Amino acid sequence: MIDSHCHLDCIDVSQREGGIQSVLDLAHNHGVDRMLCISITLANDAPRRLAKAYDPVWATVGIHPCHAHEEPGVTVETLLALAKADSVIAFGETGLDGYHDPVTDVQRESFVAHLEAGKRAGLPIVVHTRDARDETIDLIKAHGSTEAAGVLHCFTESWEMAERAIDLGYYISMSGIVSFPKATNVHEVCQKIPDDRLLIETDAPWLAPVPYRGKPNEPAFVSHVAEAVAKLRGTTPEAIAEQTTENFYRLFRTAQL
């Protein structure tokens, strides 16, 4: 299995013998051999350093929309330059977040810069979207690439939005939320995603799946996400692992180079 979205640099390993290697070892023991470490600011180069230091790890370059105000005015050229680092296979996470406060122009400008960089570099975009359904799709349609496309990660929005994104070439990723009994909208979306557009993730160290809900999350637990997805889709965890791994490599093409 591949954990398509985690924040290794945010996992507290201060009390763990072996540090990050212990996280990778536990993941391996659960059948999770590779993972994508997601950037949330450009100033923090930890995802790129981890990807350079550990073979199972890839990285992204990007600014989370909730951090866009910390690094305003990001340019396509800056993103492209950082993406030349070894093991960087995508831009993001980027996008729009209107949950806590209204979406800002700084968020919009940052999102557009990431989309344009992806189009120039031929790299996919990891999109964070929350309470900004129409505008997220509109900006993807106006500035994104249909060739490299991307993924709407930790998806919690409507099936209508997911379907519109899929029509634009995007993938939809299920997180530990899919294992929560009351997340009925996520269950519905999970059941409808075409086989070839499905990804799984942890978003570690947050959103741990059942039976670890409320505890720190880590890539090993994507195996429980696969189990929850398999149950909803009437298949096996092994089939979900195989399908989502195939999908990951189709989307993140440079991961195979």
C-alpha atoms as a PDB file:
ATOM      1  CA  MET A   1       0.000   0.000   0.000  1.00  0.00           C
ATOM      2  CA  ILE A   2       0.920   3.643  -0.432  1.00  0.00           C
ATOM      3  CA  ASP A   3      -0.091   6.395   1.983  1.00  0.00           C
ATOM      4  CA  SER A   4      -0.808   9.093  -0.569  1.00  0.00           C
ATOM      5  CA  HIS A   5      -0.877  11.955   1.962  1.00  0.00           C
ATOM      6  CA  CYS A   6       0.893  12.271   5.301  1.00  0.00           C
ATOM      7  CA  HIS A   7       2.916  14.826   7.234  1.00  0.00           C
ATOM      8  CA  LEU A   8       5.870  12.823   8.504  1.00  0.00           C
ATOM      9  CA  ASP A   9       7.591  15.932   9.776  1.00  0.00           C
ATOM     10  CA  CYS A  10       4.651  16.631  12.104  1.00  0.00           C
ATOM     11  CA  ILE A  11       4.668  13.203  13.761  1.00  0.00           C
ATOM     12  CA  ASP A  12       6.086  13.386  17.283  1.00  0.00           C
ATOM     13  CA  VAL A  13       8.887  10.829  17.463  1.00  0.00           C
ATOM     14  CA  SER A  14      10.642  12.372  20.462  1.00  0.00           C
ATOM     15  CA  GLN A  15       9.790   9.387  22.661  1.00  0.00           C
ATOM     16  CA  ARG A  16      10.311   6.703  20.031  1.00  0.00           C
ATOM     17  CA  GLU A  17      13.510   4.773  19.667  1.00  0.00           C
ATOM     18  CA  GLY A  18      14.672   5.079  16.093  1.00  0.00           C
ATOM     19  CA  GLY A  19      12.799   8.297  15.355  1.00  0.00           C
ATOM     20  CA  ILE A  20      11.269   8.535  11.897  1.00  0.00           C
ATOM     21  CA  GLN A  21      12.757   5.168  10.963  1.00  0.00           C
ATOM     22  CA  SER A  22      10.470   3.582  13.576  1.00  0.00           C
ATOM     23  CA  VAL A  23       7.480   5.138  11.788  1.00  0.00           C
ATOM     24  CA  LEU A  24       8.654   3.706   8.470  1.00  0.00           C
ATOM     25  CA  ASP A  25       9.309   0.297  10.025  1.00  0.00           C
ATOM     26  CA  LEU A  26       5.829   0.098  11.561  1.00  0.00           C
ATOM     27  CA  ALA A  27       4.314   1.138   8.231  1.00  0.00           C
ATOM     28  CA  HIS A  28       6.260  -1.589   6.461  1.00  0.00           C
ATOM     29  CA  ASN A  29       5.017  -4.145   8.980  1.00  0.00           C
ATOM     30  CA  HIS A  30       1.460  -3.121   8.084  1.00  0.00           C
ATOM     31  CA  GLY A  31       2.077  -3.492   4.349  1.00  0.00           C
ATOM     32  CA  VAL A  32       2.638   0.220   3.688  1.00  0.00           C
ATOM     33  CA  ASP A  33       5.856   0.477   1.724  1.00  0.00           C
ATOM     34  CA  ARG A  34       5.771   4.041   0.368  1.00  0.00           C
ATOM     35  CA  MET A  35       4.332   7.377   1.419  1.00  0.00           C
ATOM     36  CA  LEU A  36       4.025  10.941   0.171  1.00  0.00           C
ATOM     37  CA  CYS A  37       5.111  13.587   2.688  1.00  0.00           C
ATOM     38  CA  ILE A  38       3.113  16.757   2.101  1.00  0.00           C
ATOM     39  CA  SER A  39       4.431  20.309   2.302  1.00  0.00           C
ATOM     40  CA  ILE A  40       2.351  23.002   4.009  1.00  0.00           C
ATOM     41  CA  THR A  41       4.847  25.888   3.780  1.00  0.00           C
ATOM     42  CA  LEU A  42       7.809  26.576   1.541  1.00  0.00           C
ATOM     43  CA  ALA A  43       9.892  27.815   4.472  1.00  0.00           C
ATOM     44  CA  ASN A  44       9.787  24.353   6.037  1.00  0.00           C
ATOM     45  CA  ASP A  45      11.945  22.085   3.905  1.00  0.00           C
ATOM     46  CA  ALA A  46      11.479  19.030   6.170  1.00  0.00           C
ATOM     47  CA  PRO A  47       9.373  17.087   3.625  1.00  0.00           C
ATOM     48  CA  ARG A  48      12.109  17.474   1.021  1.00  0.00           C
ATOM     49  CA  ARG A  49      14.829  16.538   3.513  1.00  0.00           C
ATOM     50  CA  LEU A  50      12.934  13.429   4.628  1.00  0.00           C
ATOM     51  CA  ALA A  51      12.362  12.361   1.029  1.00  0.00           C
ATOM     52  CA  LYS A  52      16.066  12.751   0.306  1.00  0.00           C
ATOM     53  CA  ALA A  53      17.065  10.792   3.420  1.00  0.00           C
ATOM     54  CA  TYR A  54      14.581   7.898   3.276  1.00  0.00           C
ATOM     55  CA  ASP A  55      13.902   5.789   0.193  1.00  0.00           C
ATOM     56  CA  PRO A  56      10.230   5.021   1.010  1.00  0.00           C
ATOM     57  CA  VAL A  57       9.370   8.731   1.097  1.00  0.00           C
ATOM     58  CA  TRP A  58       8.437  11.170  -1.660  1.00  0.00           C
ATOM     59  CA  ALA A  59       7.698  14.864  -1.104  1.00  0.00           C
ATOM     60  CA  THR A  60       5.622  17.722  -2.435  1.00  0.00           C
ATOM     61  CA  VAL A  61       6.239  21.477  -2.620  1.00  0.00           C
ATOM     62  CA  GLY A  62       3.430  23.787  -1.620  1.00  0.00           C
ATOM     63  CA  ILE A  63       1.600  26.132   0.711  1.00  0.00           C
ATOM     64  CA  HIS A  64      -1.527  25.023   2.575  1.00  0.00           C
ATOM     65  CA  PRO A  65      -4.348  27.561   2.079  1.00  0.00           C
ATOM     66  CA  CYS A  66      -4.508  28.188   5.825  1.00  0.00           C
ATOM     67  CA  HIS A  67      -0.831  29.214   5.673  1.00  0.00           C
ATOM     68  CA  ALA A  68      -1.086  31.241   2.455  1.00  0.00           C
ATOM     69  CA  HIS A  69      -1.093  34.531   4.394  1.00  0.00           C
ATOM     70  CA  GLU A  70       2.318  33.602   5.843  1.00  0.00           C
ATOM     71  CA  GLU A  71       3.901  33.355   2.400  1.00  0.00           C
ATOM     72  CA  PRO A  72       1.910  35.713   0.156  1.00  0.00           C
ATOM     73  CA  GLY A  73       2.885  36.439  -3.407  1.00  0.00           C
ATOM     74  CA  VAL A  74       4.358  33.033  -4.163  1.00  0.00           C
ATOM     75  CA  THR A  75       5.414  32.823  -7.803  1.00  0.00           C
ATOM     76  CA  VAL A  76       5.262  30.025 -10.324  1.00  0.00           C
ATOM     77  CA  GLU A  77       9.027  30.338 -10.743  1.00  0.00           C
ATOM     78  CA  THR A  78       9.666  29.821  -7.009  1.00  0.00           C
ATOM     79  CA  LEU A  79       7.530  26.684  -6.985  1.00  0.00           C
ATOM     80  CA  LEU A  80       9.179  25.321 -10.118  1.00  0.00           C
ATOM     81  CA  ALA A  81      12.663  25.883  -8.678  1.00  0.00           C
ATOM     82  CA  LEU A  82      11.848  24.032  -5.443  1.00  0.00           C
ATOM     83  CA  ALA A  83      10.210  21.186  -7.331  1.00  0.00           C
ATOM     84  CA  LYS A  84      13.550  20.326  -8.929  1.00  0.00           C
ATOM     85  CA  ALA A  85      14.657  18.712  -5.653  1.00  0.00           C
ATOM     86  CA  ASP A  86      15.070  14.946  -5.669  1.00  0.00           C
ATOM     87  CA  SER A  87      11.941  12.940  -4.822  1.00  0.00           C
ATOM     88  CA  VAL A  88       9.516  15.869  -5.300  1.00  0.00           C
ATOM     89  CA  ILE A  89       6.624  14.454  -7.325  1.00  0.00           C
ATOM     90  CA  ALA A  90       3.808  17.006  -6.928  1.00  0.00           C
ATOM     91  CA  PHE A  91       2.751  20.501  -5.879  1.00  0.00           C
ATOM     92  CA  GLY A  92       0.657  21.097  -2.773  1.00  0.00           C
ATOM     93  CA  GLU A  93      -1.078  20.909  -0.623  1.00  0.00           C
ATOM     94  CA  THR A  94      -2.788  23.988  -1.932  1.00  0.00           C
ATOM     95  CA  GLY A  95      -6.373  25.018  -2.478  1.00  0.00           C
ATOM     96  CA  LEU A  96      -9.126  26.967  -0.764  1.00  0.00           C
ATOM     97  CA  ASP A  97     -10.401  26.765   2.821  1.00  0.00           C
ATOM     98  CA  GLY A  98     -13.523  28.687   3.799  1.00  0.00           C
ATOM     99  CA  TYR A  99     -14.319  26.716   6.933  1.00  0.00           C
ATOM    100  CA  HIS A 100     -12.973  28.969   9.677  1.00  0.00           C
ATOM    101  CA  ASP A 101     -12.924  32.249   7.732  1.00  0.00           C
ATOM    102  CA  PRO A 102     -14.005  33.309   4.242  1.00  0.00           C
ATOM    103  CA  VAL A 103     -11.686  32.410   1.371  1.00  0.00           C
ATOM    104  CA  THR A 104      -9.180  35.211   0.773  1.00  0.00           C
ATOM    105  CA  ASP A 105      -7.568  36.630  -2.354  1.00  0.00           C
ATOM    106  CA  VAL A 106      -4.222  35.467  -0.971  1.00  0.00           C
ATOM    107  CA  GLN A 107      -5.537  31.885  -0.965  1.00  0.00           C
ATOM    108  CA  ARG A 108      -6.844  32.264  -4.504  1.00  0.00           C
ATOM    109  CA  GLU A 109      -3.587  33.716  -5.821  1.00  0.00           C
ATOM    110  CA  SER A 110      -1.542  31.002  -4.153  1.00  0.00           C
ATOM    111  CA  PHE A 111      -3.800  28.254  -5.524  1.00  0.00           C
ATOM    112  CA  VAL A 112      -3.561  29.658  -9.048  1.00  0.00           C
ATOM    113  CA  ALA A 113       0.251  29.835  -8.817  1.00  0.00           C
ATOM    114  CA  HIS A 114       0.364  26.143  -7.827  1.00  0.00           C
ATOM    115  CA  LEU A 115      -2.012  25.160 -10.635  1.00  0.00           C
ATOM    116  CA  GLU A 116       0.029  27.073 -13.200  1.00  0.00           C
ATOM    117  CA  ALA A 117       3.269  25.560 -11.881  1.00  0.00           C
ATOM    118  CA  GLY A 118       1.779  22.095 -12.190  1.00  0.00           C
ATOM    119  CA  LYS A 119       0.778  22.791 -15.754  1.00  0.00           C
ATOM    120  CA  ARG A 120       4.281  24.046 -16.607  1.00  0.00           C
ATOM    121  CA  ALA A 121       6.109  21.180 -14.899  1.00  0.00           C
ATOM    122  CA  GLY A 122       3.679  18.407 -15.783  1.00  0.00           C
ATOM    123  CA  LEU A 123       3.280  17.548 -12.093  1.00  0.00           C
ATOM    124  CA  PRO A 124      -0.034  16.852 -10.324  1.00  0.00           C
ATOM    125  CA  ILE A 125      -1.598  19.060  -7.655  1.00  0.00           C
ATOM    126  CA  VAL A 126      -2.575  17.932  -4.158  1.00  0.00           C
ATOM    127  CA  VAL A 127      -5.686  19.969  -3.358  1.00  0.00           C
ATOM    128  CA  HIS A 128      -7.109  20.855   0.046  1.00  0.00           C
ATOM    129  CA  THR A 129     -10.721  21.977  -0.316  1.00  0.00           C
ATOM    130  CA  ARG A 130     -13.155  22.884   2.428  1.00  0.00           C
ATOM    131  CA  ASP A 131     -16.356  24.902   2.110  1.00  0.00           C
ATOM    132  CA  ALA A 132     -15.312  26.316  -1.267  1.00  0.00           C
ATOM    133  CA  ARG A 133     -16.766  23.790  -3.689  1.00  0.00           C
ATOM    134  CA  ASP A 134     -17.682  25.855  -6.737  1.00  0.00           C
ATOM    135  CA  GLU A 135     -14.681  28.173  -6.586  1.00  0.00           C
ATOM    136  CA  THR A 136     -12.226  25.304  -6.184  1.00  0.00           C
ATOM    137  CA  ILE A 137     -13.592  23.610  -9.293  1.00  0.00           C
ATOM    138  CA  ASP A 138     -13.764  26.872 -11.224  1.00  0.00           C
ATOM    139  CA  LEU A 139     -10.086  27.658 -10.541  1.00  0.00           C
ATOM    140  CA  ILE A 140      -9.008  24.118 -11.442  1.00  0.00           C
ATOM    141  CA  LYS A 141     -10.962  24.409 -14.684  1.00  0.00           C
ATOM    142  CA  ALA A 142      -9.479  27.827 -15.501  1.00  0.00           C
ATOM    143  CA  HIS A 143      -5.849  27.213 -14.526  1.00  0.00           C
ATOM    144  CA  GLY A 144      -5.238  23.511 -14.039  1.00  0.00           C
ATOM    145  CA  SER A 145      -3.888  20.822 -16.306  1.00  0.00           C
ATOM    146  CA  THR A 146      -6.112  18.028 -17.548  1.00  0.00           C
ATOM    147  CA  GLU A 147      -2.971  16.057 -18.388  1.00  0.00           C
ATOM    148  CA  ALA A 148      -1.287  15.958 -14.970  1.00  0.00           C
ATOM    149  CA  ALA A 149      -4.444  16.871 -12.984  1.00  0.00           C
ATOM    150  CA  GLY A 150      -4.248  16.029  -9.276  1.00  0.00           C
ATOM    151  CA  VAL A 151      -6.138  14.778  -6.242  1.00  0.00           C
ATOM    152  CA  LEU A 152      -8.719  16.213  -3.874  1.00  0.00           C
ATOM    153  CA  HIS A 153      -7.284  14.876  -0.640  1.00  0.00           C
ATOM    154  CA  CYS A 154      -9.103  13.913   2.574  1.00  0.00           C
ATOM    155  CA  PHE A 155     -12.352  14.443   0.718  1.00  0.00           C
ATOM    156  CA  THR A 156     -15.369  15.432   2.831  1.00  0.00           C
ATOM    157  CA  GLU A 157     -17.436  17.422   0.348  1.00  0.00           C
ATOM    158  CA  SER A 158     -20.362  16.377  -1.878  1.00  0.00           C
ATOM    159  CA  TRP A 159     -20.507  13.700  -4.546  1.00  0.00           C
ATOM    160  CA  GLU A 160     -21.464  16.439  -7.016  1.00  0.00           C
ATOM    161  CA  MET A 161     -18.128  18.172  -6.392  1.00  0.00           C
ATOM    162  CA  ALA A 162     -16.220  14.894  -6.581  1.00  0.00           C
ATOM    163  CA  GLU A 163     -17.875  14.073  -9.894  1.00  0.00           C
ATOM    164  CA  ARG A 164     -16.987  17.467 -11.350  1.00  0.00           C
ATOM    165  CA  ALA A 165     -13.369  17.010 -10.260  1.00  0.00           C
ATOM    166  CA  ILE A 166     -13.235  13.506 -11.738  1.00  0.00           C
ATOM    167  CA  ASP A 167     -14.491  14.925 -15.036  1.00  0.00           C
ATOM    168  CA  LEU A 168     -11.461  17.253 -14.959  1.00  0.00           C
ATOM    169  CA  GLY A 169      -9.080  14.311 -14.529  1.00  0.00           C
ATOM    170  CA  TYR A 170      -8.784  14.451 -10.740  1.00  0.00           C
ATOM    171  CA  TYR A 171      -8.603  11.625  -8.226  1.00  0.00           C
ATOM    172  CA  ILE A 172     -10.438  11.474  -4.883  1.00  0.00           C
ATOM    173  CA  SER A 173      -8.654  10.383  -1.708  1.00  0.00           C
ATOM    174  CA  MET A 174     -10.274   8.791   1.331  1.00  0.00           C
ATOM    175  CA  SER A 175      -8.773   9.398   4.780  1.00  0.00           C
ATOM    176  CA  GLY A 176      -9.491   7.889   8.196  1.00  0.00           C
ATOM    177  CA  ILE A 177     -12.767   9.831   8.231  1.00  0.00           C
ATOM    178  CA  VAL A 178     -14.206   7.108   5.989  1.00  0.00           C
ATOM    179  CA  SER A 179     -14.057   4.772   9.019  1.00  0.00           C
ATOM    180  CA  PHE A 180     -16.131   7.101  11.217  1.00  0.00           C
ATOM    181  CA  PRO A 181     -19.682   5.715  11.639  1.00  0.00           C
ATOM    182  CA  LYS A 182     -21.433   9.100  11.305  1.00  0.00           C
ATOM    183  CA  ALA A 183     -19.500  10.294   8.207  1.00  0.00           C
ATOM    184  CA  THR A 184     -22.371   9.262   5.930  1.00  0.00           C
ATOM    185  CA  ASN A 185     -21.605  11.780   3.173  1.00  0.00           C
ATOM    186  CA  VAL A 186     -18.035  10.443   2.956  1.00  0.00           C
ATOM    187  CA  HIS A 187     -19.384   6.882   2.850  1.00  0.00           C
ATOM    188  CA  GLU A 188     -21.634   7.817  -0.070  1.00  0.00           C
ATOM    189  CA  VAL A 189     -18.789   9.385  -2.017  1.00  0.00           C
ATOM    190  CA  CYS A 190     -16.528   6.423  -1.281  1.00  0.00           C
ATOM    191  CA  GLN A 191     -19.057   4.028  -2.777  1.00  0.00           C
ATOM    192  CA  LYS A 192     -19.396   6.077  -5.976  1.00  0.00           C
ATOM    193  CA  ILE A 193     -15.769   6.862  -6.879  1.00  0.00           C
ATOM    194  CA  PRO A 194     -14.714   4.952 -10.015  1.00  0.00           C
ATOM    195  CA  ASP A 195     -12.140   2.265  -9.298  1.00  0.00           C
ATOM    196  CA  ASP A 196      -9.460   4.049 -11.303  1.00  0.00           C
ATOM    197  CA  ARG A 197      -9.843   7.381  -9.466  1.00  0.00           C
ATOM    198  CA  LEU A 198      -9.598   6.215  -5.852  1.00  0.00           C
ATOM    199  CA  LEU A 199      -6.694   6.905  -3.476  1.00  0.00           C
ATOM    200  CA  ILE A 200      -6.223   6.291   0.257  1.00  0.00           C
ATOM    201  CA  GLU A 201      -4.321   8.328   2.832  1.00  0.00           C
ATOM    202  CA  THR A 202      -3.823   9.005   6.526  1.00  0.00           C
ATOM    203  CA  ASP A 203      -3.196  12.773   6.685  1.00  0.00           C
ATOM    204  CA  ALA A 204      -1.052  11.709   9.656  1.00  0.00           C
ATOM    205  CA  PRO A 205      -0.615  12.733  12.398  1.00  0.00           C
ATOM    206  CA  TRP A 206      -4.273  13.800  12.270  1.00  0.00           C
ATOM    207  CA  LEU A 207      -7.580  11.969  11.671  1.00  0.00           C
ATOM    208  CA  ALA A 208      -6.568   8.503  12.822  1.00  0.00           C
ATOM    209  CA  PRO A 209      -9.032   5.855  11.629  1.00  0.00           C
ATOM    210  CA  VAL A 210     -11.028   3.517  13.820  1.00  0.00           C
ATOM    211  CA  PRO A 211      -9.756   1.766  15.992  1.00  0.00           C
ATOM    212  CA  TYR A 212      -7.199   4.528  16.709  1.00  0.00           C
ATOM    213  CA  ARG A 213      -9.587   7.459  16.448  1.00  0.00           C
ATOM    214  CA  GLY A 214      -8.539  10.324  18.706  1.00  0.00           C
ATOM    215  CA  LYS A 215      -4.948   9.128  18.894  1.00  0.00           C
ATOM    216  CA  PRO A 216      -1.935  10.298  16.852  1.00  0.00           C
ATOM    217  CA  ASN A 217      -2.117   8.948  13.324  1.00  0.00           C
ATOM    218  CA  GLU A 218       0.721   7.510  11.237  1.00  0.00           C
ATOM    219  CA  PRO A 219       1.206   5.913   7.804  1.00  0.00           C
ATOM    220  CA  ALA A 220       0.843   2.342   9.139  1.00  0.00           C
ATOM    221  CA  PHE A 221      -2.811   3.065   9.818  1.00  0.00           C
ATOM    222  CA  VAL A 222      -3.657   3.547   6.149  1.00  0.00           C
ATOM    223  CA  SER A 223      -4.235  -0.214   6.281  1.00  0.00           C
ATOM    224  CA  HIS A 224      -7.343   0.511   8.373  1.00  0.00           C
ATOM    225  CA  VAL A 225      -8.479   3.085   5.824  1.00  0.00           C
ATOM    226  CA  ALA A 226      -8.194   0.368   3.176  1.00  0.00           C
ATOM    227  CA  GLU A 227     -10.321  -1.939   5.336  1.00  0.00           C
ATOM    228  CA  ALA A 228     -13.052   0.678   5.774  1.00  0.00           C
ATOM    229  CA  VAL A 229     -13.060   1.500   2.066  1.00  0.00           C
ATOM    230  CA  ALA A 230     -13.183  -2.177   1.136  1.00  0.00           C
ATOM    231  CA  LYS A 231     -16.183  -2.766   3.398  1.00  0.00           C
ATOM    232  CA  LEU A 232     -18.093   0.146   1.870  1.00  0.00           C
ATOM    233  CA  ARG A 233     -17.264  -0.922  -1.693  1.00  0.00           C
ATOM    234  CA  GLY A 234     -17.951  -4.625  -1.160  1.00  0.00           C
ATOM    235  CA  THR A 235     -14.442  -5.838  -1.864  1.00  0.00           C
ATOM    236  CA  THR A 236     -11.277  -6.820   0.006  1.00  0.00           C
ATOM    237  CA  PRO A 237      -8.548  -4.672   1.583  1.00  0.00           C
ATOM    238  CA  GLU A 238      -6.062  -6.448  -0.693  1.00  0.00           C
ATOM    239  CA  ALA A 239      -8.010  -5.365  -3.771  1.00  0.00           C
ATOM    240  CA  ILE A 240      -8.150  -1.783  -2.503  1.00  0.00           C
ATOM    241  CA  ALA A 241      -4.403  -1.830  -1.812  1.00  0.00           C
ATOM    242  CA  GLU A 242      -3.673  -3.082  -5.329  1.00  0.00           C
ATOM    243  CA  GLN A 243      -6.052  -0.658  -7.047  1.00  0.00           C
ATOM    244  CA  THR A 244      -4.970   2.445  -5.118  1.00  0.00           C
ATOM    245  CA  THR A 245      -1.292   1.650  -5.643  1.00  0.00           C
ATOM    246  CA  GLU A 246      -1.889   1.365  -9.380  1.00  0.00           C
ATOM    247  CA  ASN A 247      -3.824   4.640  -9.306  1.00  0.00           C
ATOM    248  CA  PHE A 248      -1.084   6.405  -7.345  1.00  0.00           C
ATOM    249  CA  TYR A 249       1.566   5.553  -9.905  1.00  0.00           C
ATOM    250  CA  ARG A 250      -0.723   6.560 -12.769  1.00  0.00           C
ATOM    251  CA  LEU A 251      -1.282   9.998 -11.232  1.00  0.00           C
ATOM    252  CA  PHE A 252       2.190  10.586  -9.776  1.00  0.00           C
ATOM    253  CA  ARG A 253       4.048   9.423 -12.844  1.00  0.00           C
ATOM    254  CA  THR A 254       7.463  10.727 -11.807  1.00  0.00           C
ATOM    255  CA  ALA A 255       7.361   8.502  -8.702  1.00  0.00           C
ATOM    256  CA  GLN A 256       8.386   5.651 -10.986  1.00  0.00           C
ATOM    257  CA  LEU A 257      11.385   7.428 -12.520  1.00  0.00           C
END
